[in-house]
Amino acid sequence: MATRSYDATDELTDALNKVALAEDASLMGMHLSEIEEEATNVLDLIIALRVAAREGDAGAGQEALAEITVALDHLVDHARFLLPSLKVQLDLEDDSAAELNAGNA
């Protein structure tokens, strides 16, 4: 599994460099790789939750929800690191704030 993460990190770092986001590309690539891994994990766990519900297994459902919570927490940690840099490099800071404010009005 570590090999997959390493390969994904390299691929994502290369992708960032190719789209001209080279500032901290290797670190950003690592965070994108972790986000991808956690997102896949969350989707698998949502399936497990549905199966547990269908089978009427409350214990398995609660375990899946607990694991979803942990996976989402990890995903959010990586996103919190990555988002500020992406917003600056893509010049999205003002647009994002404006969209959020418009959505809250």
PDB file of N, CA and C in Angstrom:
ATOM      1  N   MET A   1       0.822  -1.194   0.000  1.00  0.00           N
ATOM      2  CA  MET A   1       0.000   0.000   0.000  1.00  0.00           C
ATOM      3  C   MET A   1       0.866   1.259   0.000  1.00  0.00           C
ATOM      4  N   ALA A   2       2.002   1.235   0.662  1.00  0.00           N
ATOM      5  CA  ALA A   2       2.878   2.395   0.673  1.00  0.00           C
ATOM      6  C   ALA A   2       3.377   2.718  -0.732  1.00  0.00           C
ATOM      7  N   THR A   3       3.586   1.689  -1.551  1.00  0.00           N
ATOM      8  CA  THR A   3       4.030   1.905  -2.921  1.00  0.00           C
ATOM      9  C   THR A   3       2.974   2.668  -3.705  1.00  0.00           C
ATOM     10  N   ARG A   4       1.698   2.319  -3.517  1.00  0.00           N
ATOM     11  CA  ARG A   4       0.616   3.011  -4.215  1.00  0.00           C
ATOM     12  C   ARG A   4       0.615   4.480  -3.853  1.00  0.00           C
ATOM     13  N   SER A   5       0.725   4.803  -2.559  1.00  0.00           N
ATOM     14  CA  SER A   5       0.727   6.189  -2.123  1.00  0.00           C
ATOM     15  C   SER A   5       1.903   6.935  -2.722  1.00  0.00           C
ATOM     16  N   TYR A   6       3.073   6.288  -2.747  1.00  0.00           N
ATOM     17  CA  TYR A   6       4.260   6.922  -3.306  1.00  0.00           C
ATOM     18  C   TYR A   6       4.051   7.213  -4.788  1.00  0.00           C
ATOM     19  N   ASP A   7       3.537   6.231  -5.532  1.00  0.00           N
ATOM     20  CA  ASP A   7       3.283   6.419  -6.953  1.00  0.00           C
ATOM     21  C   ASP A   7       2.239   7.513  -7.181  1.00  0.00           C
ATOM     22  N   ALA A   8       1.186   7.499  -6.390  1.00  0.00           N
ATOM     23  CA  ALA A   8       0.141   8.513  -6.535  1.00  0.00           C
ATOM     24  C   ALA A   8       0.705   9.895  -6.224  1.00  0.00           C
ATOM     25  N   THR A   9       1.543   9.987  -5.215  1.00  0.00           N
ATOM     26  CA  THR A   9       2.149  11.278  -4.872  1.00  0.00           C
ATOM     27  C   THR A   9       3.002  11.781  -6.025  1.00  0.00           C
ATOM     28  N   ASP A  10       3.828  10.893  -6.591  1.00  0.00           N
ATOM     29  CA  ASP A  10       4.668  11.291  -7.727  1.00  0.00           C
ATOM     30  C   ASP A  10       3.821  11.733  -8.910  1.00  0.00           C
ATOM     31  N   GLU A  11       2.763  10.985  -9.210  1.00  0.00           N
ATOM     32  CA  GLU A  11       1.892  11.331 -10.329  1.00  0.00           C
ATOM     33  C   GLU A  11       1.216  12.677 -10.111  1.00  0.00           C
ATOM     34  N   LEU A  12       0.753  12.908  -8.896  1.00  0.00           N
ATOM     35  CA  LEU A  12       0.066  14.164  -8.609  1.00  0.00           C
ATOM     36  C   LEU A  12       1.040  15.334  -8.583  1.00  0.00           C
ATOM     37  N   THR A  13       2.254  15.109  -8.086  1.00  0.00           N
ATOM     38  CA  THR A  13       3.285  16.154  -8.121  1.00  0.00           C
ATOM     39  C   THR A  13       3.590  16.520  -9.561  1.00  0.00           C
ATOM     40  N   ASP A  14       3.751  15.506 -10.408  1.00  0.00           N
ATOM     41  CA  ASP A  14       3.998  15.745 -11.831  1.00  0.00           C
ATOM     42  C   ASP A  14       2.826  16.508 -12.459  1.00  0.00           C
ATOM     43  N   ALA A  15       1.604  16.128 -12.113  1.00  0.00           N
ATOM     44  CA  ALA A  15       0.421  16.814 -12.641  1.00  0.00           C
ATOM     45  C   ALA A  15       0.421  18.288 -12.229  1.00  0.00           C
ATOM     46  N   LEU A  16       0.747  18.556 -10.972  1.00  0.00           N
ATOM     47  CA  LEU A  16       0.787  19.939 -10.495  1.00  0.00           C
ATOM     48  C   LEU A  16       1.847  20.737 -11.251  1.00  0.00           C
ATOM     49  N   ASN A  17       3.002  20.121 -11.469  1.00  0.00           N
ATOM     50  CA  ASN A  17       4.051  20.801 -12.229  1.00  0.00           C
ATOM     51  C   ASN A  17       3.599  21.082 -13.660  1.00  0.00           C
ATOM     52  N   LYS A  18       2.899  20.142 -14.267  1.00  0.00           N
ATOM     53  CA  LYS A  18       2.455  20.303 -15.659  1.00  0.00           C
ATOM     54  C   LYS A  18       1.389  21.381 -15.820  1.00  0.00           C
ATOM     55  N   VAL A  19       0.612  21.627 -14.772  1.00  0.00           N
ATOM     56  CA  VAL A  19      -0.409  22.684 -14.859  1.00  0.00           C
ATOM     57  C   VAL A  19       0.099  23.986 -14.229  1.00  0.00           C
ATOM     58  N   ALA A  20       1.409  24.058 -14.098  1.00  0.00           N
ATOM     59  CA  ALA A  20       2.090  25.276 -13.640  1.00  0.00           C
ATOM     60  C   ALA A  20       1.765  25.653 -12.198  1.00  0.00           C
ATOM     61  N   LEU A  21       1.582  24.659 -11.350  1.00  0.00           N
ATOM     62  CA  LEU A  21       1.444  24.908  -9.922  1.00  0.00           C
ATOM     63  C   LEU A  21       2.636  24.251  -9.215  1.00  0.00           C
ATOM     64  N   ALA A  22       3.813  24.763  -9.495  1.00  0.00           N
ATOM     65  CA  ALA A  22       5.038  24.139  -9.016  1.00  0.00           C
ATOM     66  C   ALA A  22       5.404  24.563  -7.593  1.00  0.00           C
ATOM     67  N   GLU A  23       4.780  25.601  -7.078  1.00  0.00           N
ATOM     68  CA  GLU A  23       5.096  26.040  -5.721  1.00  0.00           C
ATOM     69  C   GLU A  23       4.684  24.944  -4.737  1.00  0.00           C
ATOM     70  N   ASP A  24       5.656  24.365  -4.051  1.00  0.00           N
ATOM     71  CA  ASP A  24       5.420  23.267  -3.103  1.00  0.00           C
ATOM     72  C   ASP A  24       4.714  22.082  -3.753  1.00  0.00           C
ATOM     73  N   ALA A  25       5.025  21.797  -5.008  1.00  0.00           N
ATOM     74  CA  ALA A  25       4.314  20.748  -5.749  1.00  0.00           C
ATOM     75  C   ALA A  25       4.437  19.384  -5.085  1.00  0.00           C
ATOM     76  N   SER A  26       5.610  19.045  -4.562  1.00  0.00           N
ATOM     77  CA  SER A  26       5.760  17.717  -3.967  1.00  0.00           C
ATOM     78  C   SER A  26       4.930  17.590  -2.694  1.00  0.00           C
ATOM     79  N   LEU A  27       4.904  18.639  -1.888  1.00  0.00           N
ATOM     80  CA  LEU A  27       4.096  18.620  -0.667  1.00  0.00           C
ATOM     81  C   LEU A  27       2.607  18.633  -1.010  1.00  0.00           C
ATOM     82  N   MET A  28       2.239  19.432  -1.991  1.00  0.00           N
ATOM     83  CA  MET A  28       0.843  19.470  -2.417  1.00  0.00           C
ATOM     84  C   MET A  28       0.436  18.128  -3.017  1.00  0.00           C
ATOM     85  N   GLY A  29       1.334  17.511  -3.778  1.00  0.00           N
ATOM     86  CA  GLY A  29       1.064  16.198  -4.352  1.00  0.00           C
ATOM     87  C   GLY A  29       0.832  15.156  -3.283  1.00  0.00           C
ATOM     88  N   MET A  30       1.607  15.227  -2.208  1.00  0.00           N
ATOM     89  CA  MET A  30       1.428  14.294  -1.098  1.00  0.00           C
ATOM     90  C   MET A  30       0.058  14.483  -0.465  1.00  0.00           C
ATOM     91  N   HIS A  31      -0.339  15.738  -0.252  1.00  0.00           N
ATOM     92  CA  HIS A  31      -1.650  15.994   0.352  1.00  0.00           C
ATOM     93  C   HIS A  31      -2.781  15.561  -0.579  1.00  0.00           C
ATOM     94  N   LEU A  32      -2.649  15.807  -1.875  1.00  0.00           N
ATOM     95  CA  LEU A  32      -3.668  15.345  -2.822  1.00  0.00           C
ATOM     96  C   LEU A  32      -3.761  13.822  -2.822  1.00  0.00           C
ATOM     97  N   SER A  33      -2.634  13.158  -2.725  1.00  0.00           N
ATOM     98  CA  SER A  33      -2.619  11.694  -2.667  1.00  0.00           C
ATOM     99  C   SER A  33      -3.342  11.193  -1.424  1.00  0.00           C
ATOM    100  N   GLU A  34      -3.096  11.841  -0.303  1.00  0.00           N
ATOM    101  CA  GLU A  34      -3.772  11.459   0.946  1.00  0.00           C
ATOM    102  C   GLU A  34      -5.278  11.729   0.852  1.00  0.00           C
ATOM    103  N   ILE A  35      -5.651  12.850   0.241  1.00  0.00           N
ATOM    104  CA  ILE A  35      -7.071  13.158   0.059  1.00  0.00           C
ATOM    105  C   ILE A  35      -7.730  12.103  -0.815  1.00  0.00           C
ATOM    106  N   GLU A  36      -7.058  11.718  -1.894  1.00  0.00           N
ATOM    107  CA  GLU A  36      -7.591  10.686  -2.779  1.00  0.00           C
ATOM    108  C   GLU A  36      -7.780   9.366  -2.019  1.00  0.00           C
ATOM    109  N   GLU A  37      -6.798   9.006  -1.228  1.00  0.00           N
ATOM    110  CA  GLU A  37      -6.873   7.756  -0.463  1.00  0.00           C
ATOM    111  C   GLU A  37      -8.014   7.806   0.553  1.00  0.00           C
ATOM    112  N   GLU A  38      -8.132   8.913   1.269  1.00  0.00           N
ATOM    113  CA  GLU A  38      -9.192   9.038   2.272  1.00  0.00           C
ATOM    114  C   GLU A  38     -10.568   9.108   1.615  1.00  0.00           C
ATOM    115  N   ALA A  39     -10.672   9.773   0.468  1.00  0.00           N
ATOM    116  CA  ALA A  39     -11.955   9.853  -0.233  1.00  0.00           C
ATOM    117  C   ALA A  39     -12.410   8.460  -0.664  1.00  0.00           C
ATOM    118  N   THR A  40     -11.482   7.670  -1.169  1.00  0.00           N
ATOM    119  CA  THR A  40     -11.801   6.289  -1.548  1.00  0.00           C
ATOM    120  C   THR A  40     -12.238   5.498  -0.325  1.00  0.00           C
ATOM    121  N   ASN A  41     -11.543   5.697   0.780  1.00  0.00           N
ATOM    122  CA  ASN A  41     -11.884   5.023   2.028  1.00  0.00           C
ATOM    123  C   ASN A  41     -13.288   5.414   2.492  1.00  0.00           C
ATOM    124  N   VAL A  42     -13.614   6.703   2.414  1.00  0.00           N
ATOM    125  CA  VAL A  42     -14.944   7.175   2.818  1.00  0.00           C
ATOM    126  C   VAL A  42     -16.024   6.528   1.955  1.00  0.00           C
ATOM    127  N   LEU A  43     -15.802   6.486   0.649  1.00  0.00           N
ATOM    128  CA  LEU A  43     -16.796   5.865  -0.234  1.00  0.00           C
ATOM    129  C   LEU A  43     -16.988   4.389   0.096  1.00  0.00           C
ATOM    130  N   ASP A  44     -15.900   3.672   0.360  1.00  0.00           N
ATOM    131  CA  ASP A  44     -16.003   2.260   0.749  1.00  0.00           C
ATOM    132  C   ASP A  44     -16.766   2.098   2.059  1.00  0.00           C
ATOM    133  N   LEU A  45     -16.511   3.006   2.993  1.00  0.00           N
ATOM    134  CA  LEU A  45     -17.180   2.932   4.294  1.00  0.00           C
ATOM    135  C   LEU A  45     -18.669   3.274   4.188  1.00  0.00           C
ATOM    136  N   ILE A  46     -19.022   4.161   3.283  1.00  0.00           N
ATOM    137  CA  ILE A  46     -20.441   4.472   3.062  1.00  0.00           C
ATOM    138  C   ILE A  46     -21.158   3.233   2.527  1.00  0.00           C
ATOM    139  N   ILE A  47     -20.495   2.498   1.648  1.00  0.00           N
ATOM    140  CA  ILE A  47     -21.067   1.240   1.165  1.00  0.00           C
ATOM    141  C   ILE A  47     -21.243   0.264   2.318  1.00  0.00           C
ATOM    142  N   ALA A  48     -20.233   0.174   3.189  1.00  0.00           N
ATOM    143  CA  ALA A  48     -20.319  -0.711   4.351  1.00  0.00           C
ATOM    144  C   ALA A  48     -21.471  -0.306   5.260  1.00  0.00           C
ATOM    145  N   LEU A  49     -21.696   0.991   5.424  1.00  0.00           N
ATOM    146  CA  LEU A  49     -22.813   1.488   6.230  1.00  0.00           C
ATOM    147  C   LEU A  49     -24.145   1.065   5.616  1.00  0.00           C
ATOM    148  N   ARG A  50     -24.265   1.199   4.307  1.00  0.00           N
ATOM    149  CA  ARG A  50     -25.501   0.790   3.632  1.00  0.00           C
ATOM    150  C   ARG A  50     -25.756  -0.703   3.786  1.00  0.00           C
ATOM    151  N   VAL A  51     -24.701  -1.490   3.662  1.00  0.00           N
ATOM    152  CA  VAL A  51     -24.839  -2.947   3.819  1.00  0.00           C
ATOM    153  C   VAL A  51     -25.273  -3.273   5.242  1.00  0.00           C
ATOM    154  N   ALA A  52     -24.648  -2.632   6.217  1.00  0.00           N
ATOM    155  CA  ALA A  52     -25.011  -2.875   7.617  1.00  0.00           C
ATOM    156  C   ALA A  52     -26.468  -2.509   7.864  1.00  0.00           C
ATOM    157  N   ALA A  53     -26.913  -1.392   7.301  1.00  0.00           N
ATOM    158  CA  ALA A  53     -28.310  -0.974   7.474  1.00  0.00           C
ATOM    159  C   ALA A  53     -29.255  -1.971   6.825  1.00  0.00           C
ATOM    160  N   ARG A  54     -28.900  -2.422   5.632  1.00  0.00           N
ATOM    161  CA  ARG A  54     -29.742  -3.385   4.903  1.00  0.00           C
ATOM    162  C   ARG A  54     -29.852  -4.692   5.685  1.00  0.00           C
ATOM    163  N   GLU A  55     -28.769  -5.076   6.339  1.00  0.00           N
ATOM    164  CA  GLU A  55     -28.754  -6.324   7.099  1.00  0.00           C
ATOM    165  C   GLU A  55     -29.259  -6.148   8.527  1.00  0.00           C
ATOM    166  N   GLY A  56     -29.584  -4.911   8.895  1.00  0.00           N
ATOM    167  CA  GLY A  56     -30.089  -4.644  10.240  1.00  0.00           C
ATOM    168  C   GLY A  56     -29.033  -4.788  11.320  1.00  0.00           C
ATOM    169  N   ASP A  57     -27.773  -4.583  10.974  1.00  0.00           N
ATOM    170  CA  ASP A  57     -26.666  -4.734  11.921  1.00  0.00           C
ATOM    171  C   ASP A  57     -26.248  -3.365  12.447  1.00  0.00           C
ATOM    172  N   ALA A  58     -26.877  -2.955  13.554  1.00  0.00           N
ATOM    173  CA  ALA A  58     -26.619  -1.632  14.120  1.00  0.00           C
ATOM    174  C   ALA A  58     -25.166  -1.469  14.551  1.00  0.00           C
ATOM    175  N   GLY A  59     -24.589  -2.514  15.105  1.00  0.00           N
ATOM    176  CA  GLY A  59     -23.199  -2.443  15.555  1.00  0.00           C
ATOM    177  C   GLY A  59     -22.241  -2.183  14.408  1.00  0.00           C
ATOM    178  N   ALA A  60     -22.425  -2.902  13.305  1.00  0.00           N
ATOM    179  CA  ALA A  60     -21.571  -2.700  12.135  1.00  0.00           C
ATOM    180  C   ALA A  60     -21.804  -1.320  11.540  1.00  0.00           C
ATOM    181  N   GLY A  61     -23.042  -0.849  11.569  1.00  0.00           N
ATOM    182  CA  GLY A  61     -23.348   0.488  11.070  1.00  0.00           C
ATOM    183  C   GLY A  61     -22.667   1.566  11.888  1.00  0.00           C
ATOM    184  N   GLN A  62     -22.700   1.410  13.215  1.00  0.00           N
ATOM    185  CA  GLN A  62     -22.040   2.387  14.076  1.00  0.00           C
ATOM    186  C   GLN A  62     -20.528   2.348  13.897  1.00  0.00           C
ATOM    187  N   GLU A  63     -19.981   1.147  13.701  1.00  0.00           N
ATOM    188  CA  GLU A  63     -18.540   1.024  13.463  1.00  0.00           C
ATOM    189  C   GLU A  63     -18.163   1.711  12.142  1.00  0.00           C
ATOM    190  N   ALA A  64     -18.980   1.521  11.109  1.00  0.00           N
ATOM    191  CA  ALA A  64     -18.727   2.177   9.827  1.00  0.00           C
ATOM    192  C   ALA A  64     -18.789   3.696   9.979  1.00  0.00           C
ATOM    193  N   LEU A  65     -19.772   4.186  10.726  1.00  0.00           N
ATOM    194  CA  LEU A  65     -19.878   5.632  10.951  1.00  0.00           C
ATOM    195  C   LEU A  65     -18.675   6.177  11.710  1.00  0.00           C
ATOM    196  N   ALA A  66     -18.191   5.421  12.689  1.00  0.00           N
ATOM    197  CA  ALA A  66     -17.008   5.847  13.435  1.00  0.00           C
ATOM    198  C   ALA A  66     -15.796   5.926  12.504  1.00  0.00           C
ATOM    199  N   GLU A  67     -15.663   4.936  11.645  1.00  0.00           N
ATOM    200  CA  GLU A  67     -14.549   4.936  10.700  1.00  0.00           C
ATOM    201  C   GLU A  67     -14.699   6.040   9.660  1.00  0.00           C
ATOM    202  N   ILE A  68     -15.930   6.321   9.245  1.00  0.00           N
ATOM    203  CA  ILE A  68     -16.176   7.439   8.331  1.00  0.00           C
ATOM    204  C   ILE A  68     -15.738   8.746   8.982  1.00  0.00           C
ATOM    205  N   THR A  69     -16.075   8.909  10.244  1.00  0.00           N
ATOM    206  CA  THR A  69     -15.714  10.123  10.982  1.00  0.00           C
ATOM    207  C   THR A  69     -14.200  10.314  11.017  1.00  0.00           C
ATOM    208  N   VAL A  70     -13.475   9.250  11.310  1.00  0.00           N
ATOM    209  CA  VAL A  70     -12.009   9.329  11.358  1.00  0.00           C
ATOM    210  C   VAL A  70     -11.446   9.647   9.968  1.00  0.00           C
ATOM    211  N   ALA A  71     -11.960   8.975   8.941  1.00  0.00           N
ATOM    212  CA  ALA A  71     -11.476   9.199   7.576  1.00  0.00           C
ATOM    213  C   ALA A  71     -11.760  10.634   7.125  1.00  0.00           C
ATOM    214  N   LEU A  72     -12.959  11.134   7.431  1.00  0.00           N
ATOM    215  CA  LEU A  72     -13.297  12.519   7.064  1.00  0.00           C
ATOM    216  C   LEU A  72     -12.406  13.510   7.796  1.00  0.00           C
ATOM    217  N   ASP A  73     -12.109  13.220   9.045  1.00  0.00           N
ATOM    218  CA  ASP A  73     -11.222  14.080   9.823  1.00  0.00           C
ATOM    219  C   ASP A  73      -9.845  14.151   9.172  1.00  0.00           C
ATOM    220  N   HIS A  74      -9.314  13.014   8.743  1.00  0.00           N
ATOM    221  CA  HIS A  74      -8.017  12.988   8.056  1.00  0.00           C
ATOM    222  C   HIS A  74      -8.096  13.753   6.734  1.00  0.00           C
ATOM    223  N   LEU A  75      -9.176  13.545   5.996  1.00  0.00           N
ATOM    224  CA  LEU A  75      -9.353  14.222   4.714  1.00  0.00           C
ATOM    225  C   LEU A  75      -9.382  15.744   4.919  1.00  0.00           C
ATOM    226  N   VAL A  76     -10.125  16.182   5.912  1.00  0.00           N
ATOM    227  CA  VAL A  76     -10.240  17.618   6.185  1.00  0.00           C
ATOM    228  C   VAL A  76      -8.895  18.201   6.599  1.00  0.00           C
ATOM    229  N   ASP A  77      -8.119  17.464   7.392  1.00  0.00           N
ATOM    230  CA  ASP A  77      -6.790  17.950   7.784  1.00  0.00           C
ATOM    231  C   ASP A  77      -5.923  18.219   6.558  1.00  0.00           C
ATOM    232  N   HIS A  78      -5.939  17.291   5.607  1.00  0.00           N
ATOM    233  CA  HIS A  78      -5.142  17.483   4.396  1.00  0.00           C
ATOM    234  C   HIS A  78      -5.707  18.619   3.544  1.00  0.00           C
ATOM    235  N   ALA A  79      -7.013  18.721   3.460  1.00  0.00           N
ATOM    236  CA  ALA A  79      -7.639  19.794   2.681  1.00  0.00           C
ATOM    237  C   ALA A  79      -7.323  21.158   3.291  1.00  0.00           C
ATOM    238  N   ARG A  80      -7.317  21.250   4.613  1.00  0.00           N
ATOM    239  CA  ARG A  80      -7.016  22.530   5.272  1.00  0.00           C
ATOM    240  C   ARG A  80      -5.612  23.003   4.945  1.00  0.00           C
ATOM    241  N   PHE A  81      -4.697  22.062   4.805  1.00  0.00           N
ATOM    242  CA  PHE A  81      -3.336  22.441   4.442  1.00  0.00           C
ATOM    243  C   PHE A  81      -3.279  22.882   2.982  1.00  0.00           C
ATOM    244  N   LEU A  82      -3.960  22.150   2.124  1.00  0.00           N
ATOM    245  CA  LEU A  82      -3.853  22.327   0.685  1.00  0.00           C
ATOM    246  C   LEU A  82      -4.634  23.532   0.156  1.00  0.00           C
ATOM    247  N   LEU A  83      -5.814  23.765   0.663  1.00  0.00           N
ATOM    248  CA  LEU A  83      -6.707  24.787   0.104  1.00  0.00           C
ATOM    249  C   LEU A  83      -6.128  26.205   0.067  1.00  0.00           C
ATOM    250  N   PRO A  84      -5.518  26.699   1.125  1.00  0.00           N
ATOM    251  CA  PRO A  84      -5.009  28.080   1.056  1.00  0.00           C
ATOM    252  C   PRO A  84      -4.000  28.281  -0.082  1.00  0.00           C
ATOM    253  N   SER A  85      -3.086  27.339  -0.240  1.00  0.00           N
ATOM    254  CA  SER A  85      -2.089  27.449  -1.300  1.00  0.00           C
ATOM    255  C   SER A  85      -2.733  27.370  -2.681  1.00  0.00           C
ATOM    256  N   LEU A  86      -3.666  26.448  -2.866  1.00  0.00           N
ATOM    257  CA  LEU A  86      -4.354  26.326  -4.158  1.00  0.00           C
ATOM    258  C   LEU A  86      -5.127  27.599  -4.481  1.00  0.00           C
ATOM    259  N   LYS A  87      -5.825  28.144  -3.500  1.00  0.00           N
ATOM    260  CA  LYS A  87      -6.610  29.358  -3.732  1.00  0.00           C
ATOM    261  C   LYS A  87      -5.719  30.520  -4.164  1.00  0.00           C
ATOM    262  N   VAL A  88      -4.556  30.655  -3.526  1.00  0.00           N
ATOM    263  CA  VAL A  88      -3.647  31.736  -3.884  1.00  0.00           C
ATOM    264  C   VAL A  88      -3.092  31.511  -5.287  1.00  0.00           C
ATOM    265  N   GLN A  89      -2.606  30.292  -5.544  1.00  0.00           N
ATOM    266  CA  GLN A  89      -1.989  30.015  -6.841  1.00  0.00           C
ATOM    267  C   GLN A  89      -2.986  30.070  -8.001  1.00  0.00           C
ATOM    268  N   LEU A  90      -4.238  29.775  -7.722  1.00  0.00           N
ATOM    269  CA  LEU A  90      -5.269  29.790  -8.758  1.00  0.00           C
ATOM    270  C   LEU A  90      -6.081  31.086  -8.753  1.00  0.00           C
ATOM    271  N   ASP A  91      -5.701  32.000  -7.866  1.00  0.00           N
ATOM    272  CA  ASP A  91      -6.375  33.288  -7.747  1.00  0.00           C
ATOM    273  C   ASP A  91      -7.877  33.099  -7.510  1.00  0.00           C
ATOM    274  N   LEU A  92      -8.200  32.253  -6.546  1.00  0.00           N
ATOM    275  CA  LEU A  92      -9.598  31.950  -6.238  1.00  0.00           C
ATOM    276  C   LEU A  92     -10.056  32.502  -4.892  1.00  0.00           C
ATOM    277  N   GLU A  93      -9.182  33.155  -4.174  1.00  0.00           N
ATOM    278  CA  GLU A  93      -9.541  33.619  -2.836  1.00  0.00           C
ATOM    279  C   GLU A  93     -10.751  34.534  -2.828  1.00  0.00           C
ATOM    280  N   ASP A  94     -10.739  35.555  -3.649  1.00  0.00           N
ATOM    281  CA  ASP A  94     -11.844  36.511  -3.653  1.00  0.00           C
ATOM    282  C   ASP A  94     -13.126  35.877  -4.173  1.00  0.00           C
ATOM    283  N   ASP A  95     -13.018  35.074  -5.233  1.00  0.00           N
ATOM    284  CA  ASP A  95     -14.202  34.429  -5.798  1.00  0.00           C
ATOM    285  C   ASP A  95     -14.854  33.475  -4.804  1.00  0.00           C
ATOM    286  N   SER A  96     -14.052  32.713  -4.081  1.00  0.00           N
ATOM    287  CA  SER A  96     -14.585  31.759  -3.116  1.00  0.00           C
ATOM    288  C   SER A  96     -15.309  32.469  -1.989  1.00  0.00           C
ATOM    289  N   ALA A  97     -14.708  33.535  -1.489  1.00  0.00           N
ATOM    290  CA  ALA A  97     -15.340  34.287  -0.409  1.00  0.00           C
ATOM    291  C   ALA A  97     -16.646  34.902  -0.881  1.00  0.00           C
ATOM    292  N   ALA A  98     -16.658  35.431  -2.078  1.00  0.00           N
ATOM    293  CA  ALA A  98     -17.868  36.050  -2.623  1.00  0.00           C
ATOM    294  C   ALA A  98     -18.963  35.011  -2.794  1.00  0.00           C
ATOM    295  N   GLU A  99     -18.611  33.819  -3.282  1.00  0.00           N
ATOM    296  CA  GLU A  99     -19.602  32.756  -3.469  1.00  0.00           C
ATOM    297  C   GLU A  99     -20.159  32.293  -2.127  1.00  0.00           C
ATOM    298  N   LEU A 100     -19.280  32.162  -1.128  1.00  0.00           N
ATOM    299  CA  LEU A 100     -19.746  31.758   0.196  1.00  0.00           C
ATOM    300  C   LEU A 100     -20.696  32.795   0.777  1.00  0.00           C
ATOM    301  N   ASN A 101     -20.336  34.054   0.653  1.00  0.00           N
ATOM    302  CA  ASN A 101     -21.185  35.110   1.187  1.00  0.00           C
ATOM    303  C   ASN A 101     -22.512  35.164   0.449  1.00  0.00           C
ATOM    304  N   ALA A 102     -22.510  34.963  -0.852  1.00  0.00           N
ATOM    305  CA  ALA A 102     -23.749  34.968  -1.626  1.00  0.00           C
ATOM    306  C   ALA A 102     -24.636  33.801  -1.235  1.00  0.00           C
ATOM    307  N   GLY A 103     -24.023  32.658  -0.945  1.00  0.00           N
ATOM    308  CA  GLY A 103     -24.778  31.473  -0.550  1.00  0.00           C
ATOM    309  C   GLY A 103     -25.387  31.607   0.833  1.00  0.00           C
ATOM    310  N   ASN A 104     -24.786  32.416   1.681  1.00  0.00           N
ATOM    311  CA  ASN A 104     -25.291  32.619   3.039  1.00  0.00           C
ATOM    312  C   ASN A 104     -26.322  33.730   3.122  1.00  0.00           C
ATOM    313  N   ALA A 105     -26.498  34.488   2.044  1.00  0.00           N
ATOM    314  CA  ALA A 105     -27.442  35.621   2.093  1.00  0.00           C
ATOM    315  C   ALA A 105     -28.858  35.148   1.911  1.00  0.00           C
TER     316      ALA A 105
END
